[in-house]
Amino acid sequence: MTRRETKPFGSAGRVLVAVMVLLAVVLAAVPATARAQVSIARGTVCSLEVEKCPAEGQGFHLALVARMDANGKLTAVPALADAVAETGIDPAKFSEATDAQTLSAAASSYLGYVASGNDSFDEKDATATGGKASFVGLEPGMYLLTAEPATVDGSTYTALPNLVIVPRVDGSTYATNCQVEAKFEVRPVETQHNRVTKLWQGDSASTRPQSVQVAIYNGDALYQEVTLDASNNWTFAWDGDGNWSVREKDVPAGYTCSVLMTRGDSESGQDGIDFTLTNTVPTGQAREPPHAWPHLQHGRPHLACGSGGASLRRWRAGSCRPCGTSQGGGSRVSDARLTSREKRGGAAGAAPRRWRLALVAGAVLVACGLLVWWMGTQRATAQASEGSALLPGGAGRP
């Protein structure tokens, strides 16, 4: 075989080697779990074993908050819709790669919604035996794990809410039999001093509501509803042991609400659970001051509610959310009762149109003035010509 004949084979070989090297690099860059992942078979059933349970007979609870499809994607259950809308925390963004801190914050925020769900969540119960609590017959998805407080050897074990995803990625397949360690805060037995505090972020004092309603739950039972406002420094405190959770009722429009649950320090006399509810205005969104300007109702400004684009949309929709009136009813406001400022406020939307009309009217007046001036100059010129023809020595001389 001559050298010339081997060149095509040598070139093809080099191309083949280059392709194989490139394929190896691509495969190395792809995570092992992504290469090995397989679809979840229809009808898959999972189990979960909770380990390191501190007390015999302690009750544990699971609530399904998101279902998992065949490709491992999570979708919130309908009962969690309010929590997703009001907290901005969507299970669809979670996976096995989600860090523990993010899951812990989500669990604290979901806790009050599950407690107030009135059995709308798919829940399962288990009792600890031999340091373990077992759940069986679980469909694929994400669950909120909670437990009853327990007292052992002079210490109180208060469960921390935990989000658990089943099944879990395990090598080349999904593992349907899963384990998780129970999470507890351990404190000496003593009376708990609990507290809930409201914080605001991304807004100003002039735009936020004057108060909020917060529901406090002990397990699934409503303990108390409280009002937080400036008069109590947006804080409420109560004493007692329990499986506590909180939920803000009717989160104001334009805000998201997150919940942070922490334990106090017994040495400082603040032993107990501190709940911090933070209402945040998302970046780039401005919130209208409530009850600041009149809006249109029945074609006239209505002084009891906010104005601007939002209030005009409410009026067009047939209802006014702040005051509860509608186009079909409610009191009418006569023009005689409106001050000049209120009338200006109610007609603010027509200001640009009035400016355009004024400019057009001004242009028409200027044009008319120029026309009158031109006609006057023409007439004066004609009269001057007639007068010069009558003078002696003027035109008409032979």
Protein backbone atom coordinates (compact mmCIF):
# COMPACT_ATOMS: atom_id res chain seq x y z
CA MET A 1 0.00 0.00 0.00
CA THR A 2 1.45 3.37 -0.96
CA ARG A 3 1.60 6.37 1.35
CA ARG A 4 -0.80 8.27 -0.85
CA GLU A 5 -3.43 5.57 -0.39
CA THR A 6 -3.21 5.71 3.42
CA LYS A 7 -3.93 9.44 3.70
CA PRO A 8 -7.74 9.21 3.48
CA PHE A 9 -7.80 6.47 6.15
CA GLY A 10 -5.51 8.50 8.38
CA SER A 11 -7.73 11.59 8.10
CA ALA A 12 -10.85 9.60 8.87
CA GLY A 13 -9.15 8.06 11.87
CA ARG A 14 -8.19 11.43 13.25
CA VAL A 15 -11.76 12.68 12.82
CA LEU A 16 -13.10 9.60 14.60
CA VAL A 17 -10.69 10.10 17.50
CA ALA A 18 -11.64 13.78 17.77
CA VAL A 19 -15.36 12.89 17.90
CA MET A 20 -14.76 10.29 20.61
CA VAL A 21 -12.75 12.77 22.70
CA LEU A 22 -15.49 15.41 22.32
CA LEU A 23 -18.16 12.88 23.35
CA ALA A 24 -16.14 11.92 26.42
CA VAL A 25 -15.80 15.58 27.43
CA VAL A 26 -19.55 16.16 27.06
CA LEU A 27 -20.42 13.08 29.11
CA ALA A 28 -17.99 14.10 31.80
CA ALA A 29 -19.63 17.54 32.03
CA VAL A 30 -23.12 16.10 32.55
CA PRO A 31 -23.94 15.25 36.20
CA ALA A 32 -24.19 11.57 36.91
CA THR A 33 -27.74 11.89 38.23
CA ALA A 34 -28.86 13.58 35.00
CA ARG A 35 -27.36 10.75 32.87
CA ALA A 36 -28.76 8.00 35.04
CA GLN A 37 -32.21 9.44 35.72
CA VAL A 38 -35.11 7.28 34.62
CA SER A 39 -38.82 7.99 34.52
CA ILE A 40 -40.99 7.19 37.52
CA ALA A 41 -43.32 4.35 36.66
CA ARG A 42 -47.03 4.93 36.93
CA GLY A 43 -48.41 3.71 40.23
CA THR A 44 -45.06 3.99 42.08
CA VAL A 45 -45.53 3.78 45.86
CA CYS A 46 -42.91 5.07 48.34
CA SER A 47 -42.18 4.72 52.03
CA LEU A 48 -40.48 7.03 54.53
CA GLU A 49 -38.81 6.08 57.80
CA VAL A 50 -38.18 8.85 60.35
CA GLU A 51 -35.13 8.04 62.46
CA LYS A 52 -33.84 9.29 65.83
CA CYS A 53 -37.28 9.92 67.30
CA PRO A 54 -36.70 11.03 70.92
CA ALA A 55 -39.83 9.67 72.61
CA GLU A 56 -41.75 6.42 72.47
CA GLY A 57 -45.28 6.95 71.22
CA GLN A 58 -44.52 10.39 69.81
CA GLY A 59 -46.83 11.41 66.96
CA PHE A 60 -45.50 12.35 63.52
CA HIS A 61 -47.47 13.82 60.63
CA LEU A 62 -46.96 14.04 56.85
CA ALA A 63 -48.87 16.41 54.56
CA LEU A 64 -48.56 16.20 50.77
CA VAL A 65 -47.78 19.72 49.47
CA ALA A 66 -46.60 18.91 45.90
CA ARG A 67 -46.97 15.99 43.51
CA MET A 68 -44.16 14.63 41.34
CA ASP A 69 -44.60 13.69 37.68
CA ALA A 70 -42.79 10.93 35.78
CA ASN A 71 -39.82 13.20 35.11
CA GLY A 72 -39.38 14.26 38.73
CA LYS A 73 -40.96 17.71 38.39
CA LEU A 74 -42.93 18.99 41.40
CA THR A 75 -46.31 20.74 41.17
CA ALA A 76 -48.08 22.28 44.18
CA VAL A 77 -51.33 20.64 45.24
CA PRO A 78 -54.46 22.84 44.98
CA ALA A 79 -54.64 23.20 48.78
CA LEU A 80 -51.26 24.97 48.70
CA ALA A 81 -52.36 27.60 46.17
CA ASP A 82 -52.78 30.35 48.78
CA ALA A 83 -49.37 29.64 50.26
CA VAL A 84 -47.67 29.84 46.84
CA ALA A 85 -49.48 33.07 45.95
CA GLU A 86 -48.91 34.80 49.29
CA THR A 87 -45.35 33.62 50.06
CA GLY A 88 -43.95 33.48 46.53
CA ILE A 89 -42.43 30.06 47.35
CA ASP A 90 -43.28 27.54 44.61
CA PRO A 91 -42.41 23.83 44.97
CA ALA A 92 -41.93 23.71 41.19
CA LYS A 93 -38.55 25.38 41.79
CA PHE A 94 -37.36 22.63 44.17
CA SER A 95 -35.43 19.45 43.41
CA GLU A 96 -32.97 17.08 45.06
CA ALA A 97 -30.33 19.78 44.52
CA THR A 98 -32.20 22.42 46.59
CA ASP A 99 -30.15 23.36 49.66
CA ALA A 100 -31.33 22.66 53.21
CA GLN A 101 -31.65 26.33 54.17
CA THR A 102 -34.09 27.04 51.33
CA LEU A 103 -36.18 23.99 52.21
CA SER A 104 -36.20 24.96 55.90
CA ALA A 105 -37.47 28.47 55.11
CA ALA A 106 -40.16 27.05 52.85
CA ALA A 107 -41.24 24.55 55.52
CA SER A 108 -41.65 27.33 58.10
CA SER A 109 -43.72 29.38 55.64
CA TYR A 110 -45.96 26.44 54.66
CA LEU A 111 -46.56 25.27 58.24
CA GLY A 112 -49.38 27.70 59.08
CA TYR A 113 -51.18 27.01 55.79
CA VAL A 114 -51.17 23.27 56.39
CA ALA A 115 -52.35 23.74 59.98
CA SER A 116 -55.27 25.90 58.80
CA GLY A 117 -56.07 23.66 55.83
CA ASN A 118 -59.12 22.02 57.48
CA ASP A 119 -58.17 18.55 56.17
CA SER A 120 -57.79 19.84 52.60
CA PHE A 121 -54.28 18.33 52.45
CA ASP A 122 -53.63 14.61 52.00
CA GLU A 123 -52.17 13.74 55.43
CA LYS A 124 -50.79 10.62 57.09
CA ASP A 125 -49.93 9.93 60.73
CA ALA A 126 -47.38 7.63 62.36
CA THR A 127 -46.31 6.80 65.91
CA ALA A 128 -42.70 6.44 66.99
CA THR A 129 -41.68 2.95 68.10
CA GLY A 130 -38.12 2.00 68.97
CA GLY A 131 -36.85 5.42 67.90
CA LYS A 132 -38.45 5.23 64.44
CA ALA A 133 -41.71 6.29 62.80
CA SER A 134 -42.71 4.75 59.47
CA PHE A 135 -44.98 5.98 56.67
CA VAL A 136 -46.03 3.68 53.84
CA GLY A 137 -48.20 3.99 50.74
CA LEU A 138 -46.85 7.42 49.77
CA GLU A 139 -47.30 8.72 46.25
CA PRO A 140 -44.28 10.49 44.68
CA GLY A 141 -44.04 14.11 45.78
CA MET A 142 -42.92 16.56 48.44
CA TYR A 143 -44.24 16.28 52.00
CA LEU A 144 -44.22 18.53 55.05
CA LEU A 145 -43.05 16.51 58.07
CA THR A 146 -44.03 17.65 61.57
CA ALA A 147 -44.19 16.06 65.02
CA GLU A 148 -45.80 16.55 68.40
CA PRO A 149 -43.56 18.04 71.13
CA ALA A 150 -42.22 15.51 73.61
CA THR A 151 -40.64 15.64 77.08
CA VAL A 152 -37.87 13.19 77.89
CA ASP A 153 -35.61 13.23 80.99
CA GLY A 154 -36.40 16.83 81.90
CA SER A 155 -35.97 18.17 78.35
CA THR A 156 -38.58 19.34 75.86
CA TYR A 157 -38.16 18.26 72.22
CA THR A 158 -39.91 20.69 69.86
CA ALA A 159 -40.08 19.50 66.26
CA LEU A 160 -38.83 21.68 63.43
CA PRO A 161 -40.89 21.46 60.21
CA ASN A 162 -39.10 19.60 57.43
CA LEU A 163 -39.79 19.22 53.70
CA VAL A 164 -39.07 15.74 52.37
CA ILE A 165 -39.05 14.62 48.72
CA VAL A 166 -39.80 10.99 47.79
CA PRO A 167 -38.62 9.07 45.86
CA ARG A 168 -34.95 10.08 45.83
CA VAL A 169 -32.31 9.78 43.12
CA ASP A 170 -30.08 6.79 43.89
CA GLY A 171 -27.45 6.00 41.29
CA SER A 172 -29.16 4.81 38.12
CA THR A 173 -32.71 4.83 39.45
CA TYR A 174 -35.09 6.33 42.01
CA ALA A 175 -35.05 4.99 45.57
CA THR A 176 -38.62 4.53 46.81
CA ASN A 177 -37.69 3.47 50.35
CA CYS A 178 -36.39 6.66 51.97
CA GLN A 179 -35.06 7.68 55.39
CA VAL A 180 -34.86 11.04 57.15
CA GLU A 181 -33.68 12.11 60.59
CA ALA A 182 -36.14 13.94 62.81
CA LYS A 183 -35.22 17.56 63.58
CA PHE A 184 -35.84 18.93 67.06
CA GLU A 185 -34.92 21.84 69.30
CA VAL A 186 -34.04 20.59 72.78
CA ARG A 187 -34.64 22.80 75.84
CA PRO A 188 -35.01 22.23 79.58
CA VAL A 189 -38.60 21.83 80.72
CA GLU A 190 -39.98 25.29 81.52
CA THR A 191 -42.74 27.62 80.47
CA GLN A 192 -42.32 28.82 76.91
CA HIS A 193 -42.61 32.51 76.10
CA ASN A 194 -43.65 32.69 72.46
CA ARG A 195 -43.89 35.70 70.18
CA VAL A 196 -44.97 36.69 66.67
CA THR A 197 -43.61 39.85 65.04
CA LYS A 198 -44.51 41.54 61.76
CA LEU A 199 -41.77 43.16 59.63
CA TRP A 200 -42.08 45.16 56.40
CA GLN A 201 -39.60 45.29 53.55
CA GLY A 202 -39.43 47.21 50.29
CA ASP A 203 -42.24 49.65 51.10
CA SER A 204 -42.83 52.73 53.22
CA ALA A 205 -44.97 53.41 56.29
CA SER A 206 -47.38 55.52 54.21
CA THR A 207 -48.23 52.70 51.80
CA ARG A 208 -48.57 49.69 54.11
CA PRO A 209 -51.86 48.60 55.76
CA GLN A 210 -52.66 49.97 59.21
CA SER A 211 -52.93 46.44 60.65
CA VAL A 212 -52.80 42.73 59.81
CA GLN A 213 -54.61 39.69 61.21
CA VAL A 214 -52.54 36.68 62.31
CA ALA A 215 -53.93 33.25 63.22
CA ILE A 216 -52.00 31.19 65.80
CA TYR A 217 -52.40 27.40 65.71
CA ASN A 218 -51.53 24.70 68.21
CA GLY A 219 -51.27 21.67 65.95
CA ASP A 220 -54.34 21.83 63.71
CA ALA A 221 -56.44 23.70 66.28
CA LEU A 222 -56.86 27.47 66.12
CA TYR A 223 -55.45 28.94 69.33
CA GLN A 224 -56.10 32.65 68.79
CA GLU A 225 -56.45 35.36 66.14
CA VAL A 226 -54.60 38.59 66.91
CA THR A 227 -54.28 42.04 65.36
CA LEU A 228 -50.79 43.44 64.82
CA ASP A 229 -50.39 47.17 64.29
CA ALA A 230 -48.31 50.17 65.37
CA SER A 231 -50.06 50.34 68.76
CA ASN A 232 -48.55 46.99 69.84
CA ASN A 233 -45.35 47.53 67.85
CA TRP A 234 -46.51 44.84 65.39
CA THR A 235 -45.85 42.15 68.03
CA PHE A 236 -47.91 39.69 70.10
CA ALA A 237 -46.61 37.37 72.85
CA TRP A 238 -48.14 34.39 74.64
CA ASP A 239 -46.98 31.68 77.02
CA GLY A 240 -47.34 27.93 76.85
CA ASP A 241 -45.97 24.74 75.37
CA GLY A 242 -47.43 23.51 72.13
CA ASN A 243 -46.97 22.58 68.50
CA TRP A 244 -47.19 26.21 67.41
CA SER A 245 -47.53 27.69 63.92
CA VAL A 246 -48.80 31.00 62.54
CA ARG A 247 -50.39 32.28 59.35
CA GLU A 248 -51.16 35.82 58.24
CA LYS A 249 -54.73 36.13 57.06
CA ASP A 250 -55.48 38.00 53.82
CA VAL A 251 -51.94 39.03 52.85
CA PRO A 252 -52.24 42.57 51.37
CA ALA A 253 -52.19 42.82 47.59
CA GLY A 254 -48.74 43.58 46.21
CA TYR A 255 -46.92 41.82 49.08
CA THR A 256 -45.48 38.35 49.64
CA CYS A 257 -45.28 36.96 53.17
CA SER A 258 -42.49 34.72 54.47
CA VAL A 259 -42.28 33.10 57.92
CA LEU A 260 -39.09 32.57 59.92
CA MET A 261 -39.34 30.35 63.00
CA THR A 262 -36.52 30.48 65.60
CA ARG A 263 -36.00 29.40 69.19
CA GLY A 264 -35.32 31.91 71.96
CA ASP A 265 -32.55 31.70 74.57
CA SER A 266 -33.60 30.46 78.02
CA GLU A 267 -30.70 32.33 79.65
CA SER A 268 -32.11 35.65 78.47
CA GLY A 269 -35.61 34.76 79.67
CA GLN A 270 -36.91 34.51 76.10
CA ASP A 271 -37.20 30.73 75.90
CA GLY A 272 -39.89 29.80 73.39
CA ILE A 273 -40.61 30.17 69.70
CA ASP A 274 -40.22 33.44 67.82
CA PHE A 275 -42.18 33.78 64.58
CA THR A 276 -41.15 36.59 62.25
CA LEU A 277 -43.58 37.36 59.45
CA THR A 278 -42.00 39.56 56.76
CA ASN A 279 -44.20 41.23 54.17
CA THR A 280 -42.15 42.21 51.13
CA VAL A 281 -42.92 44.26 48.05
CA PRO A 282 -41.08 42.53 45.16
CA THR A 283 -38.27 44.58 43.60
CA GLY A 284 -39.46 46.89 40.85
CA GLN A 285 -43.08 46.96 41.99
CA ALA A 286 -44.53 50.08 43.57
CA ARG A 287 -47.60 49.97 45.79
CA GLU A 288 -50.27 52.68 45.78
CA PRO A 289 -50.95 54.42 49.11
CA PRO A 290 -54.35 53.21 50.34
CA HIS A 291 -57.22 55.75 50.60
CA ALA A 292 -54.98 58.53 49.28
CA TRP A 293 -56.95 59.85 46.28
CA PRO A 294 -60.52 59.68 45.01
CA HIS A 295 -61.50 57.31 42.23
CA LEU A 296 -64.46 57.32 39.91
CA GLN A 297 -67.71 55.73 40.98
CA HIS A 298 -70.89 56.29 38.98
CA GLY A 299 -68.82 58.67 36.83
CA ARG A 300 -67.79 60.81 39.82
CA PRO A 301 -64.85 60.78 42.26
CA HIS A 302 -65.51 58.60 45.30
CA LEU A 303 -63.54 59.92 48.28
CA ALA A 304 -63.39 56.78 50.39
CA CYS A 305 -61.03 54.78 48.22
CA GLY A 306 -57.73 54.92 46.35
CA SER A 307 -57.41 56.26 42.83
CA GLY A 308 -55.06 55.99 39.89
CA GLY A 309 -55.06 53.19 37.35
CA ALA A 310 -55.84 50.50 39.93
CA SER A 311 -58.95 52.22 41.27
CA LEU A 312 -60.16 52.98 37.75
CA ARG A 313 -59.78 49.27 36.92
CA ARG A 314 -61.74 48.40 40.09
CA TRP A 315 -64.47 50.84 39.08
CA ARG A 316 -64.65 49.41 35.56
CA ALA A 317 -64.82 45.91 37.04
CA GLY A 318 -67.89 46.94 39.00
CA SER A 319 -66.55 46.97 42.53
CA CYS A 320 -64.35 48.93 44.90
CA ARG A 321 -62.25 46.60 47.05
CA PRO A 322 -61.29 49.05 49.88
CA CYS A 323 -64.83 50.22 50.63
CA GLY A 324 -66.84 47.31 49.23
CA THR A 325 -69.20 49.45 47.13
CA SER A 326 -70.10 48.71 43.52
CA GLN A 327 -71.47 50.43 40.48
CA GLY A 328 -74.80 48.81 41.12
CA GLY A 329 -75.18 50.32 44.58
CA GLY A 330 -73.62 52.53 47.19
CA SER A 331 -74.00 56.22 47.86
CA ARG A 332 -73.59 58.82 45.15
CA VAL A 333 -71.37 61.83 45.66
CA SER A 334 -72.82 65.08 44.30
CA ASP A 335 -70.67 67.65 42.54
CA ALA A 336 -71.67 70.20 45.16
CA ARG A 337 -69.91 68.16 47.87
CA LEU A 338 -66.60 68.03 46.02
CA THR A 339 -63.91 70.57 46.77
CA SER A 340 -61.86 72.05 43.96
CA ARG A 341 -58.93 69.78 44.89
CA GLU A 342 -61.17 66.69 44.79
CA LYS A 343 -62.53 67.71 41.41
CA ARG A 344 -58.99 68.18 40.13
CA GLY A 345 -58.08 64.75 41.52
CA GLY A 346 -61.07 63.09 39.90
CA ALA A 347 -60.29 64.70 36.55
CA ALA A 348 -56.55 64.11 36.68
CA GLY A 349 -56.75 61.50 33.98
CA ALA A 350 -58.17 64.09 31.51
CA ALA A 351 -55.31 66.59 31.98
CA PRO A 352 -53.21 65.45 28.97
CA ARG A 353 -56.29 65.56 26.74
CA ARG A 354 -57.11 69.11 27.87
CA TRP A 355 -53.57 70.23 27.12
CA ARG A 356 -53.88 68.86 23.57
CA LEU A 357 -57.22 70.62 23.11
CA ALA A 358 -55.71 73.88 24.39
CA LEU A 359 -52.81 73.64 21.94
CA VAL A 360 -55.16 72.98 19.01
CA ALA A 361 -57.40 75.90 20.03
CA GLY A 362 -54.37 78.18 20.33
CA ALA A 363 -53.15 77.20 16.87
CA VAL A 364 -56.58 77.93 15.39
CA LEU A 365 -56.67 81.37 17.05
CA VAL A 366 -53.21 82.24 15.72
CA ALA A 367 -54.23 81.17 12.20
CA CYS A 368 -57.40 83.29 12.41
CA GLY A 369 -55.37 86.28 13.60
CA LEU A 370 -52.92 85.95 10.72
CA LEU A 371 -55.83 85.72 8.26
CA VAL A 372 -57.45 88.86 9.65
CA TRP A 373 -54.12 90.72 9.52
CA TRP A 374 -53.53 89.70 5.90
CA MET A 375 -57.03 90.76 4.87
CA GLY A 376 -56.53 94.09 6.62
CA THR A 377 -53.24 94.80 4.82
CA GLN A 378 -54.83 93.96 1.44
CA ARG A 379 -57.70 96.30 2.11
CA ALA A 380 -55.38 99.12 3.22
CA THR A 381 -53.30 98.72 0.04
CA ALA A 382 -56.39 98.89 -2.16
CA GLN A 383 -57.62 102.06 -0.41
CA ALA A 384 -54.22 103.73 -0.80
CA SER A 385 -54.25 103.03 -4.54
CA GLU A 386 -57.74 104.53 -4.97
CA GLY A 387 -56.69 107.70 -3.05
CA SER A 388 -53.60 108.36 -5.21
CA ALA A 389 -55.67 108.19 -8.38
CA LEU A 390 -57.80 111.18 -7.22
CA LEU A 391 -54.87 113.50 -6.40
CA PRO A 392 -53.93 116.40 -8.91
CA GLY A 393 -51.18 115.34 -11.27
CA GLY A 394 -51.92 111.78 -10.59
CA ALA A 395 -52.98 109.09 -12.98
CA GLY A 396 -55.58 110.38 -15.47
CA ARG A 397 -53.32 113.21 -16.67
CA PRO A 398 -53.36 113.30 -20.52
